[in-house]
Structure formats: C-alpha cells, structure tokens
C-alpha cells in the first residue's frame, strides 16, 4: 500500500529539562521529516477530562503524517535519524506511538 501513515505521538517529558531536550530533538528531526514529505499537525496539551476516567496525561500529543510506509522506514533507518534518536530517548520518561488511519464517520 502506498497511502499516507498517521502516527499519534503522546509524550511524557523527563523532569528537569526533558521538554527543552525534546525541543532540541524536534529541531533536528524537522528537516528529516520535511525531506521525505512528512509533516506534523498541531501540537496539543490535555487540559481536562470531561467524560471518562482521568489519567491520560501526556505533556504533549500530536499527529505526524508520513507520505507512505517506505518513506517512514527510510527516514527511521537512515543515518540522519540514527544521529539524533538518542536525544529523544534522553528527553522522555515515556512515549506512546500509535499508527492511525483517517476515518470518515461523522
């Protein structure tokens, strides 16, 4: 399949500098993402649980669009990403990545 891939990213930063470290990673990641035709949708911070159990509390979440599986794989295994992925690991206590697909239902 040669269709876009959407990846939900939920991130929990390490205390004492995790957010700043992640911003360093994001600045290095942006040109790699752009080079394969990917893009980041808006970033969000959860504010309040209105319905359901509270507790999903990432510091930030966002969706990244990759043009297709081949582009995602080439970026993730390329030397540019290998050089920066340690910054992401140093910044985060926890992360959740969920591959998603658009759905027309409303």
C-alpha atoms as a PDB file:
ATOM      1  CA  UNK A   1       0.000   0.000   0.000  1.00  0.00           C
ATOM      2  CA  UNK A   2       1.219   3.437  -0.871  1.00  0.00           C
ATOM      3  CA  UNK A   3      -1.029   5.549   1.338  1.00  0.00           C
ATOM      4  CA  UNK A   4      -0.175   8.135   3.991  1.00  0.00           C
ATOM      5  CA  UNK A   5       0.585   6.973   7.507  1.00  0.00           C
ATOM      6  CA  UNK A   6      -0.584   8.964  10.520  1.00  0.00           C
ATOM      7  CA  UNK A   7       1.222   8.454  13.808  1.00  0.00           C
ATOM      8  CA  UNK A   8      -0.229   9.678  17.097  1.00  0.00           C
ATOM      9  CA  UNK A   9       2.623  10.671  19.407  1.00  0.00           C
ATOM     10  CA  UNK A  10       1.953  11.108  23.132  1.00  0.00           C
ATOM     11  CA  UNK A  11       4.964  12.238  25.148  1.00  0.00           C
ATOM     12  CA  UNK A  12       5.830  12.482  28.827  1.00  0.00           C
ATOM     13  CA  UNK A  13       8.960  14.568  29.398  1.00  0.00           C
ATOM     14  CA  UNK A  14      11.618  13.803  31.965  1.00  0.00           C
ATOM     15  CA  UNK A  15      11.649  16.314  34.789  1.00  0.00           C
ATOM     16  CA  UNK A  16      14.423  18.881  34.849  1.00  0.00           C
ATOM     17  CA  UNK A  17      14.981  19.618  31.197  1.00  0.00           C
ATOM     18  CA  UNK A  18      13.100  16.938  29.266  1.00  0.00           C
ATOM     19  CA  UNK A  19      10.949  19.443  27.400  1.00  0.00           C
ATOM     20  CA  UNK A  20      13.964  21.514  26.398  1.00  0.00           C
ATOM     21  CA  UNK A  21      15.839  18.386  25.310  1.00  0.00           C
ATOM     22  CA  UNK A  22      12.845  17.295  23.230  1.00  0.00           C
ATOM     23  CA  UNK A  23      12.731  20.707  21.547  1.00  0.00           C
ATOM     24  CA  UNK A  24      16.376  20.129  20.584  1.00  0.00           C
ATOM     25  CA  UNK A  25      15.373  16.767  19.087  1.00  0.00           C
ATOM     26  CA  UNK A  26      12.383  18.305  17.289  1.00  0.00           C
ATOM     27  CA  UNK A  27      14.595  20.961  15.671  1.00  0.00           C
ATOM     28  CA  UNK A  28      16.948  18.241  14.383  1.00  0.00           C
ATOM     29  CA  UNK A  29      14.045  15.984  13.324  1.00  0.00           C
ATOM     30  CA  UNK A  30      12.122  18.626  11.343  1.00  0.00           C
ATOM     31  CA  UNK A  31      14.443  18.692   8.290  1.00  0.00           C
ATOM     32  CA  UNK A  32      14.451  14.873   8.142  1.00  0.00           C
ATOM     33  CA  UNK A  33      10.662  14.782   8.208  1.00  0.00           C
ATOM     34  CA  UNK A  34      10.397  17.508   5.587  1.00  0.00           C
ATOM     35  CA  UNK A  35      12.897  15.720   3.314  1.00  0.00           C
ATOM     36  CA  UNK A  36      10.549  12.733   2.999  1.00  0.00           C
ATOM     37  CA  UNK A  37       7.409  14.837   2.566  1.00  0.00           C
ATOM     38  CA  UNK A  38       6.102  14.370   6.098  1.00  0.00           C
ATOM     39  CA  UNK A  39       4.583  16.958   8.388  1.00  0.00           C
ATOM     40  CA  UNK A  40       3.422  17.489  11.962  1.00  0.00           C
ATOM     41  CA  UNK A  41      -0.144  18.521  12.695  1.00  0.00           C
ATOM     42  CA  UNK A  42      -0.775  20.904  15.564  1.00  0.00           C
ATOM     43  CA  UNK A  43       0.587  20.055  18.992  1.00  0.00           C
ATOM     44  CA  UNK A  44      -1.860  19.632  21.867  1.00  0.00           C
ATOM     45  CA  UNK A  45      -1.696  19.566  25.656  1.00  0.00           C
ATOM     46  CA  UNK A  46      -4.517  17.789  27.506  1.00  0.00           C
ATOM     47  CA  UNK A  47      -6.308  20.182  29.847  1.00  0.00           C
ATOM     48  CA  UNK A  48      -9.173  18.355  31.485  1.00  0.00           C
ATOM     49  CA  UNK A  49     -11.012  15.042  31.279  1.00  0.00           C
ATOM     50  CA  UNK A  50     -14.692  15.796  30.721  1.00  0.00           C
ATOM     51  CA  UNK A  51     -16.021  12.256  30.208  1.00  0.00           C
ATOM     52  CA  UNK A  52     -14.346   9.041  31.273  1.00  0.00           C
ATOM     53  CA  UNK A  53     -11.615   8.191  33.705  1.00  0.00           C
ATOM     54  CA  UNK A  54      -8.976  10.851  34.230  1.00  0.00           C
ATOM     55  CA  UNK A  55      -5.414   9.748  33.907  1.00  0.00           C
ATOM     56  CA  UNK A  56      -4.317  10.102  30.293  1.00  0.00           C
ATOM     57  CA  UNK A  57      -1.923  12.925  30.965  1.00  0.00           C
ATOM     58  CA  UNK A  58       0.888  13.258  28.416  1.00  0.00           C
ATOM     59  CA  UNK A  59       2.727  16.557  28.404  1.00  0.00           C
ATOM     60  CA  UNK A  60       2.003  16.915  24.698  1.00  0.00           C
ATOM     61  CA  UNK A  61       0.464  14.914  21.883  1.00  0.00           C
ATOM     62  CA  UNK A  62       0.396  15.395  18.137  1.00  0.00           C
ATOM     63  CA  UNK A  63      -0.044  13.548  14.859  1.00  0.00           C
ATOM     64  CA  UNK A  64       2.729  13.138  12.302  1.00  0.00           C
ATOM     65  CA  UNK A  65       1.839  12.367   8.691  1.00  0.00           C
ATOM     66  CA  UNK A  66       4.291  10.299   6.653  1.00  0.00           C
ATOM     67  CA  UNK A  67       3.632  10.004   2.902  1.00  0.00           C
ATOM     68  CA  UNK A  68       3.851   6.187   2.976  1.00  0.00           C
ATOM     69  CA  UNK A  69       5.468   3.229   4.712  1.00  0.00           C
ATOM     70  CA  UNK A  70       8.600   3.332   2.557  1.00  0.00           C
ATOM     71  CA  UNK A  71       9.238   6.984   3.434  1.00  0.00           C
ATOM     72  CA  UNK A  72       8.763   6.287   7.148  1.00  0.00           C
ATOM     73  CA  UNK A  73      11.135   3.330   7.051  1.00  0.00           C
ATOM     74  CA  UNK A  74      13.797   5.146   5.035  1.00  0.00           C
ATOM     75  CA  UNK A  75      13.806   8.034   7.491  1.00  0.00           C
ATOM     76  CA  UNK A  76      13.726   5.848  10.618  1.00  0.00           C
ATOM     77  CA  UNK A  77      16.635   3.695   9.468  1.00  0.00           C
ATOM     78  CA  UNK A  78      18.684   6.411   7.799  1.00  0.00           C
ATOM     79  CA  UNK A  79      21.923   7.809   9.181  1.00  0.00           C
ATOM     80  CA  UNK A  80      20.386  11.212   9.947  1.00  0.00           C
ATOM     81  CA  UNK A  81      17.887   9.709  12.353  1.00  0.00           C
ATOM     82  CA  UNK A  82      20.462   7.410  13.909  1.00  0.00           C
ATOM     83  CA  UNK A  83      22.453  10.524  14.790  1.00  0.00           C
ATOM     84  CA  UNK A  84      19.602  12.176  16.723  1.00  0.00           C
ATOM     85  CA  UNK A  85      17.413   9.434  18.182  1.00  0.00           C
ATOM     86  CA  UNK A  86      19.416   9.407  21.429  1.00  0.00           C
ATOM     87  CA  UNK A  87      18.242  12.990  22.085  1.00  0.00           C
ATOM     88  CA  UNK A  88      14.625  11.813  22.038  1.00  0.00           C
ATOM     89  CA  UNK A  89      15.427   8.993  24.434  1.00  0.00           C
ATOM     90  CA  UNK A  90      17.224  11.404  26.783  1.00  0.00           C
ATOM     91  CA  UNK A  91      14.189  13.745  26.809  1.00  0.00           C
ATOM     92  CA  UNK A  92      11.355  11.324  27.559  1.00  0.00           C
ATOM     93  CA  UNK A  93      10.165   9.362  30.548  1.00  0.00           C
ATOM     94  CA  UNK A  94       7.531   7.661  28.430  1.00  0.00           C
ATOM     95  CA  UNK A  95       6.091   7.823  24.938  1.00  0.00           C
ATOM     96  CA  UNK A  96       3.227   6.264  23.072  1.00  0.00           C
ATOM     97  CA  UNK A  97       3.196   5.984  19.282  1.00  0.00           C
ATOM     98  CA  UNK A  98       0.022   4.727  17.642  1.00  0.00           C
ATOM     99  CA  UNK A  99      -0.317   4.247  13.900  1.00  0.00           C
ATOM    100  CA  UNK A 100      -3.712   5.609  12.807  1.00  0.00           C
ATOM    101  CA  UNK A 101      -5.777   5.936   9.677  1.00  0.00           C
ATOM    102  CA  UNK A 102      -8.303   8.593   8.790  1.00  0.00           C
ATOM    103  CA  UNK A 103     -11.903   7.564   9.231  1.00  0.00           C
ATOM    104  CA  UNK A 104     -14.980   9.188   7.730  1.00  0.00           C
ATOM    105  CA  UNK A 105     -17.870   8.581  10.075  1.00  0.00           C
ATOM    106  CA  UNK A 106     -19.361  11.916  11.055  1.00  0.00           C
END
